[in-house]
Amino acid sequence: MSKKKKILFALDLLILCILIALDQFTKYLAVIKLKEQKPFEIIPGVLELNYLENRGAAFGMLKNQKFFFVFIAFVIIGLIIYFLYKMPDKKKYDILHPLLVMIASGAIGNMIDRIRLDYVVDFIYAVIIHFPIFNVADIYVTVATFLLVIVLLFVYKEEDLNFLSFKQNKIREIK
C-alpha cells in the first residue's frame, strides 16, 4: 500500500469516527430533550424535531427485522472497505473517499442503534412535505448516495472503475 493510500485510509477512518460520533451525539440529544415531549418547531410549518423510535427501514418498512438490517449494514460496510482498499491512489478518485465514508458512517450509526436499542432514533421531520422522520445518519447516506450516483454517471468512464471488478486480472502473455 502506497504512502498516499495509507494517509487517505487514515483520514477516511478519522472522518468515519467523527461522523459516527456526531450522529450518535444528535441521537443522544434527541432522547434526552425530545422523548415524550411535544415536537419542537424550528421553522413553524416547515421543520421540526419530533422523537420517533423506528423499528423498520425507510418509511417504517420491514418492522422488527433487526438481524436483516444489521446483516445488510455489515455487507455495505464490507463492500465499502473493499472499494477503498482497491481504489487507485490517483487524484481523480479522491472524491469517492468522503462519499463512501459518509455512506459507511450512516450505516454504522443506524446499526449501532439497532444493536444497542433494537430501534433507530429518528427526530428530524420536514413538516412542509410530510416526509418521514429521519436522523443525521440517514442524511449522510441519502446525500452521499445521491452524489455518488451523479459522480459515477457523469465523472467516470467505465474503464476508470475497473478496479471495482471482482474478476481476476488476466495474466499477461510474456513475449
Protein backbone atom coordinates (compact mmCIF):
# COMPACT_ATOMS: atom_id res chain seq x y z
CA MET A 1 0.00 0.00 0.00
CA SER A 2 1.42 3.39 -1.02
CA LYS A 3 2.05 6.19 1.47
CA LYS A 4 -0.74 8.30 -0.06
CA LYS A 5 -3.16 5.38 0.20
CA LYS A 6 -2.26 4.88 3.88
CA ILE A 7 -2.82 8.58 4.57
CA LEU A 8 -6.18 8.54 2.74
CA PHE A 9 -7.26 5.43 4.61
CA ALA A 10 -6.28 7.01 7.96
CA LEU A 11 -8.16 10.17 7.01
CA ASP A 12 -11.17 8.07 5.98
CA LEU A 13 -11.11 6.36 9.38
CA LEU A 14 -10.85 9.68 11.22
CA ILE A 15 -13.76 11.19 9.27
CA LEU A 16 -15.79 8.00 9.80
CA CYS A 17 -15.31 8.24 13.57
CA ILE A 18 -16.20 11.95 13.64
CA LEU A 19 -19.37 11.44 11.58
CA ILE A 20 -20.49 8.47 13.69
CA ALA A 21 -19.84 10.44 16.88
CA LEU A 22 -21.86 13.38 15.53
CA ASP A 23 -24.74 11.08 14.59
CA GLN A 24 -24.73 9.36 17.98
CA PHE A 25 -24.49 12.69 19.82
CA THR A 26 -27.52 14.10 17.97
CA LYS A 27 -29.48 10.94 18.75
CA TYR A 28 -28.45 11.20 22.42
CA LEU A 29 -29.71 14.80 22.47
CA ALA A 30 -32.94 13.69 20.80
CA VAL A 31 -33.51 11.10 23.52
CA ILE A 32 -32.84 13.42 26.44
CA LYS A 33 -34.56 16.51 25.00
CA LEU A 34 -37.35 15.21 22.76
CA LYS A 35 -38.51 11.83 24.07
CA GLU A 36 -42.03 12.05 25.49
CA GLN A 37 -42.15 15.77 24.61
CA LYS A 38 -44.19 17.74 22.12
CA PRO A 39 -42.45 18.29 18.76
CA PHE A 40 -40.07 21.26 18.81
CA GLU A 41 -40.75 23.61 15.90
CA ILE A 42 -37.63 25.03 14.29
CA ILE A 43 -39.45 26.69 11.39
CA PRO A 44 -43.21 26.55 12.00
CA GLY A 45 -44.98 24.51 9.33
CA VAL A 46 -41.66 23.60 7.69
CA LEU A 47 -39.23 21.80 10.00
CA GLU A 48 -39.50 20.34 13.48
CA LEU A 49 -37.73 17.97 15.83
CA ASN A 50 -40.01 15.07 16.71
CA TYR A 51 -38.78 11.95 18.55
CA LEU A 52 -39.50 8.56 16.96
CA GLU A 53 -38.29 5.03 17.65
CA ASN A 54 -38.08 3.48 14.19
CA ARG A 55 -38.14 -0.32 14.26
CA GLY A 56 -38.16 -0.59 10.46
CA ALA A 57 -36.30 0.83 7.49
CA ALA A 58 -37.14 3.88 5.43
CA PHE A 59 -40.81 4.81 5.79
CA GLY A 60 -41.13 2.18 8.56
CA MET A 61 -40.94 -0.75 6.14
CA LEU A 62 -39.82 -4.19 7.34
CA LYS A 63 -40.52 -3.57 11.01
CA ASN A 64 -38.68 -5.65 13.60
CA GLN A 65 -36.15 -7.11 11.14
CA LYS A 66 -33.10 -6.28 13.27
CA PHE A 67 -30.96 -9.21 12.08
CA PHE A 68 -31.67 -8.39 8.43
CA PHE A 69 -30.73 -4.70 8.84
CA VAL A 70 -27.56 -5.47 10.80
CA PHE A 71 -26.55 -8.06 8.18
CA ILE A 72 -27.14 -5.59 5.32
CA ALA A 73 -25.14 -2.91 7.18
CA PHE A 74 -22.20 -5.32 7.55
CA VAL A 75 -22.36 -6.19 3.85
CA ILE A 76 -22.40 -2.50 2.86
CA ILE A 77 -19.52 -1.69 5.21
CA GLY A 78 -17.54 -4.67 3.89
CA LEU A 79 -18.04 -3.56 0.30
CA ILE A 80 -17.01 0.00 1.13
CA ILE A 81 -13.82 -1.22 2.84
CA TYR A 82 -13.09 -3.37 -0.22
CA PHE A 83 -13.66 -0.43 -2.59
CA LEU A 84 -11.48 1.91 -0.50
CA TYR A 85 -8.73 -0.70 -0.39
CA LYS A 86 -8.85 -1.44 -4.12
CA MET A 87 -9.24 2.19 -5.22
CA PRO A 88 -6.18 3.59 -7.00
CA ASP A 89 -4.46 6.43 -5.16
CA LYS A 90 -4.77 8.80 -8.11
CA LYS A 91 -6.23 12.27 -7.51
CA LYS A 92 -9.27 11.64 -9.73
CA TYR A 93 -10.57 9.09 -7.20
CA ASP A 94 -10.25 11.36 -4.15
CA ILE A 95 -13.92 12.46 -4.36
CA LEU A 96 -15.05 8.87 -3.81
CA HIS A 97 -13.47 8.69 -0.35
CA PRO A 98 -15.75 11.14 1.51
CA LEU A 99 -18.83 9.81 -0.27
CA LEU A 100 -18.10 6.19 0.66
CA VAL A 101 -17.15 7.22 4.20
CA MET A 102 -20.44 9.10 4.61
CA ILE A 103 -22.42 6.05 3.48
CA ALA A 104 -20.45 3.81 5.86
CA SER A 105 -20.92 6.32 8.71
CA GLY A 106 -24.67 6.36 8.22
CA ALA A 107 -24.86 2.58 8.03
CA ILE A 108 -22.76 2.20 11.19
CA GLY A 109 -24.65 4.94 13.05
CA ASN A 110 -28.00 3.28 12.48
CA MET A 111 -26.53 -0.19 13.06
CA ILE A 112 -25.29 0.93 16.49
CA ASP A 113 -28.85 1.94 17.38
CA ARG A 114 -30.31 -1.34 16.14
CA ILE A 115 -27.81 -3.44 18.09
CA ARG A 116 -27.96 -1.33 21.25
CA LEU A 117 -31.64 -0.34 21.32
CA ASP A 118 -33.47 -2.63 18.85
CA TYR A 119 -34.63 0.50 17.01
CA VAL A 120 -33.20 3.61 15.34
CA VAL A 121 -33.69 7.02 16.92
CA ASP A 122 -35.21 9.41 14.37
CA PHE A 123 -36.05 13.03 15.14
CA ILE A 124 -35.94 15.35 12.09
CA TYR A 125 -39.30 15.98 10.44
CA ALA A 126 -39.86 18.02 7.27
CA VAL A 127 -43.43 19.07 8.04
CA ILE A 128 -43.89 21.03 4.82
CA ILE A 129 -43.65 17.89 2.67
CA HIS A 130 -44.80 15.35 5.29
CA PHE A 131 -41.56 13.44 4.79
CA PRO A 132 -40.97 10.52 7.19
CA ILE A 133 -38.99 11.37 10.31
CA PHE A 134 -35.26 10.75 9.84
CA ASN A 135 -31.87 11.31 11.52
CA VAL A 136 -28.35 12.53 10.80
CA ALA A 137 -27.15 9.06 9.68
CA ASP A 138 -29.97 8.99 7.12
CA ILE A 139 -28.79 12.37 5.81
CA TYR A 140 -25.26 11.00 5.38
CA VAL A 141 -26.49 8.00 3.40
CA THR A 142 -29.00 9.91 1.27
CA VAL A 143 -26.79 12.85 0.33
CA ALA A 144 -23.69 10.72 -0.28
CA THR A 145 -25.58 8.13 -2.34
CA PHE A 146 -27.16 10.84 -4.48
CA LEU A 147 -23.79 12.50 -5.08
CA LEU A 148 -22.11 9.13 -5.70
CA VAL A 149 -24.64 8.29 -8.43
CA ILE A 150 -24.07 11.71 -10.04
CA VAL A 151 -20.28 11.28 -9.89
CA LEU A 152 -20.40 7.73 -11.25
CA LEU A 153 -22.71 8.75 -14.10
CA PHE A 154 -21.02 11.97 -15.15
CA VAL A 155 -17.39 11.96 -14.00
CA TYR A 156 -16.00 8.49 -14.52
CA LYS A 157 -15.82 6.31 -17.59
CA GLU A 158 -16.36 2.57 -17.35
CA GLU A 159 -12.63 1.87 -17.60
CA ASP A 160 -11.98 4.23 -14.65
CA LEU A 161 -13.92 1.84 -12.43
CA ASN A 162 -12.26 -1.42 -13.48
CA PHE A 163 -10.61 -1.60 -10.06
CA LEU A 164 -14.05 -2.49 -8.63
CA SER A 165 -14.20 -5.71 -10.60
CA PHE A 166 -14.21 -8.92 -8.61
CA LYS A 167 -12.72 -10.71 -11.64
CA GLN A 168 -9.15 -11.93 -11.62
CA ASN A 169 -6.80 -9.80 -13.69
CA LYS A 170 -5.82 -11.53 -16.90
CA ILE A 171 -2.34 -12.95 -16.93
CA ARG A 172 -0.24 -11.04 -19.42
CA GLU A 173 1.48 -13.07 -22.03
CA ILE A 174 5.24 -12.96 -21.92
CA LYS A 175 6.71 -12.09 -25.31
